[in-house]
Amino acid sequence: MFRSLSLALRKRNIDQEKIEKIVNAIVRKLENFGDTEVKTTLIGEYIMEALSHLDQIAYVRFASVYKNFREVKDFEDFLGNLEDNPEDK
C-alpha cells in the first residue's frame, strides 16, 4: 500500500510521513472490520478516497492503474466525472 501511494505521489510535494499516516489510517479502518481477509477492491477504494482529498494529480494517477485505463477516452471520462461531481474529487 505504501509503495502504491508513493508511486502515485511521486514528484508531488507530499512528505513520507503523510503517506505513512494515510497507510496507518487505512490499516486501522481495515482492522475494524475484524475479518482476516480483505478484498483488494476495498483497499483500492480507501486509497482512492484518501488521494481524492490529498492530491488530485496523484488521485488520477492511481485511478489510471487501479481502474485499468486503456485509452485516452478512459482518462477523459474519469476527468469528466470529477468535473461533474466536484464534491467527490
Protein backbone atom coordinates (compact mmCIF):
# COMPACT_ATOMS: atom_id res chain seq x y z
CA MET A 1 0.00 0.00 0.00
CA PHE A 2 2.82 2.39 0.89
CA ARG A 3 4.53 1.70 -2.43
CA SER A 4 1.34 2.32 -4.42
CA LEU A 5 0.75 5.61 -2.66
CA SER A 6 4.40 6.62 -3.09
CA LEU A 7 4.24 5.94 -6.82
CA ALA A 8 1.06 7.95 -7.24
CA LEU A 9 2.56 10.80 -5.22
CA ARG A 10 5.97 10.72 -6.89
CA LYS A 11 7.24 14.24 -7.66
CA ARG A 12 4.35 15.74 -5.70
CA ASN A 13 5.12 17.83 -2.64
CA ILE A 14 3.89 15.26 -0.10
CA ASP A 15 6.29 14.02 2.56
CA GLN A 16 6.76 10.38 3.52
CA GLU A 17 5.28 10.98 6.96
CA LYS A 18 1.95 11.99 5.39
CA ILE A 19 1.97 8.81 3.29
CA GLU A 20 2.65 6.72 6.40
CA LYS A 21 -0.27 8.40 8.19
CA ILE A 22 -2.59 7.56 5.28
CA VAL A 23 -1.42 3.93 5.27
CA ASN A 24 -1.90 3.67 9.03
CA ALA A 25 -5.39 5.18 8.82
CA ILE A 26 -6.39 2.71 6.10
CA VAL A 27 -4.95 -0.21 8.07
CA ARG A 28 -6.96 0.87 11.13
CA LYS A 29 -10.15 1.04 9.03
CA LEU A 30 -9.49 -2.45 7.71
CA GLU A 31 -8.75 -3.82 11.18
CA ASN A 32 -12.11 -2.51 12.37
CA PHE A 33 -13.82 -4.98 10.05
CA GLY A 34 -12.42 -7.83 12.13
CA ASP A 35 -12.01 -10.08 9.10
CA THR A 36 -8.75 -11.89 8.45
CA GLU A 37 -9.13 -11.38 4.71
CA VAL A 38 -9.88 -8.10 2.98
CA LYS A 39 -10.75 -7.64 -0.67
CA THR A 40 -8.24 -5.62 -2.64
CA THR A 41 -11.11 -3.60 -4.08
CA LEU A 42 -11.86 -2.25 -0.61
CA ILE A 43 -8.21 -1.29 -0.12
CA GLY A 44 -8.20 0.39 -3.53
CA GLU A 45 -11.33 2.37 -2.69
CA TYR A 46 -9.82 3.56 0.59
CA ILE A 47 -6.67 4.65 -1.22
CA MET A 48 -8.74 6.46 -3.85
CA GLU A 49 -10.71 8.23 -1.13
CA ALA A 50 -7.55 9.35 0.68
CA LEU A 51 -5.89 10.58 -2.52
CA SER A 52 -9.00 12.45 -3.63
CA HIS A 53 -8.68 14.64 -0.54
CA LEU A 54 -4.90 14.92 -0.65
CA ASP A 55 -3.77 15.47 -4.25
CA GLN A 56 -5.83 15.47 -7.46
CA ILE A 57 -2.89 14.51 -9.68
CA ALA A 58 -1.98 11.53 -7.52
CA TYR A 59 -5.67 10.60 -7.43
CA VAL A 60 -5.84 10.45 -11.24
CA ARG A 61 -2.50 8.61 -11.45
CA PHE A 62 -3.67 5.95 -9.01
CA ALA A 63 -7.08 5.70 -10.67
CA SER A 64 -5.49 5.12 -14.07
CA VAL A 65 -3.82 1.96 -12.77
CA TYR A 66 -6.50 0.87 -10.30
CA LYS A 67 -9.31 1.26 -12.81
CA ASN A 68 -7.15 -0.09 -15.63
CA PHE A 69 -7.39 2.81 -18.07
CA ARG A 70 -6.63 1.55 -21.58
CA GLU A 71 -7.03 4.64 -23.74
CA VAL A 72 -7.27 8.41 -23.58
CA LYS A 73 -11.08 8.22 -23.50
CA ASP A 74 -10.86 6.45 -20.14
CA PHE A 75 -8.99 9.47 -18.74
CA GLU A 76 -11.45 11.88 -20.35
CA ASP A 77 -14.42 10.04 -18.87
CA PHE A 78 -12.83 9.91 -15.42
CA LEU A 79 -11.88 13.59 -15.51
CA GLY A 80 -15.35 14.48 -16.78
CA ASN A 81 -16.85 12.71 -13.77
CA LEU A 82 -14.56 14.73 -11.50
CA GLU A 83 -15.82 17.95 -13.04
CA ASP A 84 -19.45 16.80 -12.78
CA ASN A 85 -19.05 15.81 -9.12
CA PRO A 86 -16.59 18.25 -7.53
CA GLU A 87 -17.61 17.16 -4.03
CA ASP A 88 -16.33 13.64 -4.85
CA LYS A 89 -12.97 14.99 -6.04
